[in-house]
Protein backbone atom coordinates (compact mmCIF):
# COMPACT_ATOMS: atom_id res chain seq x y z
CA MET A 1 25.70 102.39 197.69
CA THR A 2 26.80 99.51 195.54
CA HIS A 3 24.49 97.22 193.71
CA LYS A 4 25.30 93.56 193.44
CA GLY A 5 23.26 91.37 191.19
CA VAL A 6 19.92 91.96 189.53
CA SER A 7 16.67 92.32 191.38
CA SER A 8 13.16 91.86 190.05
CA LYS A 9 12.40 95.55 190.68
CA MET A 10 15.02 96.80 188.21
CA LYS A 11 13.83 97.69 184.73
CA PRO A 12 16.11 97.96 181.72
CA TYR A 13 16.89 101.49 180.56
CA LEU A 14 15.84 101.94 176.95
CA GLY A 15 17.70 105.21 176.43
CA GLN A 16 16.54 108.50 174.98
CA VAL A 17 14.80 109.05 171.69
CA ASN A 18 15.45 112.27 169.77
CA ASN A 19 12.74 113.09 167.24
CA GLN A 20 13.61 116.77 166.85
CA GLU A 21 15.31 118.24 163.80
CA SER A 22 19.10 118.33 163.82
CA LYS A 23 20.76 121.70 164.51
CA THR A 24 24.17 120.56 163.31
CA VAL A 25 25.91 123.17 161.15
CA PRO A 26 27.86 121.73 158.19
CA ASP A 27 31.65 122.25 158.02
CA GLN A 28 32.07 122.86 161.76
CA SER A 29 34.70 120.14 162.13
CA MET A 30 38.36 120.70 161.23
CA THR A 31 40.11 118.77 158.53
CA LEU A 32 43.24 116.76 159.31
CA ARG A 33 45.29 119.44 157.54
CA GLU A 34 43.83 122.19 159.77
CA LEU A 35 44.54 120.09 162.87
CA LEU A 36 48.18 119.58 161.86
CA ILE A 37 48.70 123.27 161.02
CA ARG A 38 47.23 124.36 164.38
CA TYR A 39 49.36 121.78 166.21
CA ALA A 40 52.51 122.98 164.43
CA LYS A 41 51.74 126.61 165.37
CA GLY A 42 51.10 125.68 168.98
CA LEU A 43 47.45 126.74 168.85
CA PRO A 44 44.75 124.83 170.70
CA LEU A 45 43.18 122.09 168.64
CA GLU A 46 39.63 122.44 169.94
CA GLY A 47 37.32 125.35 169.20
CA ALA A 48 39.14 126.66 166.13
CA LYS A 49 36.00 127.47 164.17
CA THR A 50 33.63 130.10 165.43
CA PRO A 51 30.40 128.46 166.56
CA ILE A 52 27.07 129.96 165.58
CA TRP A 53 25.32 131.10 168.74
CA GLU A 54 21.63 131.81 168.92
CA GLY A 55 21.78 132.97 172.53
CA GLU A 56 22.62 136.31 174.06
CA GLU A 57 25.68 138.26 173.03
CA GLY A 58 28.47 139.09 175.44
CA PHE A 59 29.47 135.62 176.55
CA ASP A 60 32.94 135.32 178.01
CA VAL A 61 35.77 134.53 175.61
CA ASP A 62 38.66 132.34 176.72
CA PRO A 63 41.85 134.21 175.67
CA GLU A 64 43.85 130.97 175.86
CA LYS A 65 41.98 129.72 172.79
CA LEU A 66 42.62 132.85 170.68
CA ASP A 67 45.56 133.55 168.42
CA LEU A 68 47.65 136.74 168.81
CA ALA A 69 45.67 138.78 166.27
CA GLU A 70 42.36 137.90 167.94
CA ARG A 71 43.80 138.74 171.37
CA GLU A 72 45.02 142.13 170.14
CA GLU A 73 41.64 142.85 168.54
CA LEU A 74 39.88 141.94 171.78
CA ALA A 75 42.26 144.16 173.79
CA GLU A 76 41.73 147.11 171.43
CA LYS A 77 37.97 146.72 171.64
CA ALA A 78 38.18 146.66 175.45
CA ARG A 79 40.37 149.81 175.48
CA GLU A 80 37.89 151.69 173.25
CA GLU A 81 34.97 150.58 175.40
CA LEU A 82 36.80 151.71 178.55
CA LYS A 83 37.53 155.15 177.01
CA ALA A 84 33.84 155.57 176.15
CA ILE A 85 32.76 154.58 179.66
CA ASN A 86 35.29 156.96 181.27
CA ALA A 87 34.11 159.81 179.03
CA ARG A 88 30.48 159.18 179.99
CA VAL A 89 31.34 159.08 183.69
CA LYS A 90 33.37 162.29 183.46
CA GLU A 91 30.52 164.03 181.63
CA GLU A 92 27.99 162.94 184.27
CA VAL A 93 30.25 164.10 187.12
CA GLU A 94 30.68 167.51 185.49
CA LYS A 95 26.90 167.85 185.04
CA LYS A 96 26.31 167.00 188.71
CA LYS A 97 28.95 169.52 189.79
CA ALA A 98 27.33 172.21 187.64
CA VAL A 99 23.90 171.51 189.15
CA ALA A 100 25.33 171.48 192.68
CA THR A 101 27.13 174.79 192.09
CA ALA A 102 23.97 176.39 190.71
CA PHE A 103 21.89 175.44 193.75
CA PHE A 104 24.60 175.72 196.40
CA PRO A 105 27.08 178.48 195.51
CA THR A 106 30.44 178.39 197.24
CA PRO A 107 30.28 180.02 200.67
CA ARG A 108 32.19 183.21 201.21
CA THR A 109 35.12 183.27 203.56
CA PRO A 110 34.86 185.38 206.74
CA SER A 111 37.54 187.79 205.51
CA SER A 112 35.47 188.71 202.46
CA ILE A 113 32.37 189.59 204.49
CA THR A 114 32.04 193.20 205.55
CA VAL A 115 29.95 193.79 208.61
CA THR A 116 28.82 197.25 209.65
CA ILE A 117 27.98 197.62 213.33
CA PRO A 118 25.97 200.71 214.24
CA VAL A 119 27.43 202.59 217.16
CA ALA A 120 25.12 204.35 219.65
CA ASP A 121 25.93 208.06 220.17
């Protein structure tokens, strides 16, 4: 829908008014020197400083915006976390197997069962 001209029903938009306190953190912007150094190294220019989050932890990190050392640190942390998870899973599986074996012992094979049939005289 396109609007041509001005009608008497339209009211001018006065905009928003912000009366709350500012949550701007000082020194979050990069200096010109930092921008040039990052550009020369081939690093992304936006998001170089770590923002201060007040929300929940565990938000997704974009690896494209990290340098090599940060990527390696993130990979190492993920490997350690995976090892811990695998160890917990293995421990739980072993516990369940032990409980299952205690309640349901392995059945004997027919060759190991000795049956005595009484014979009538």
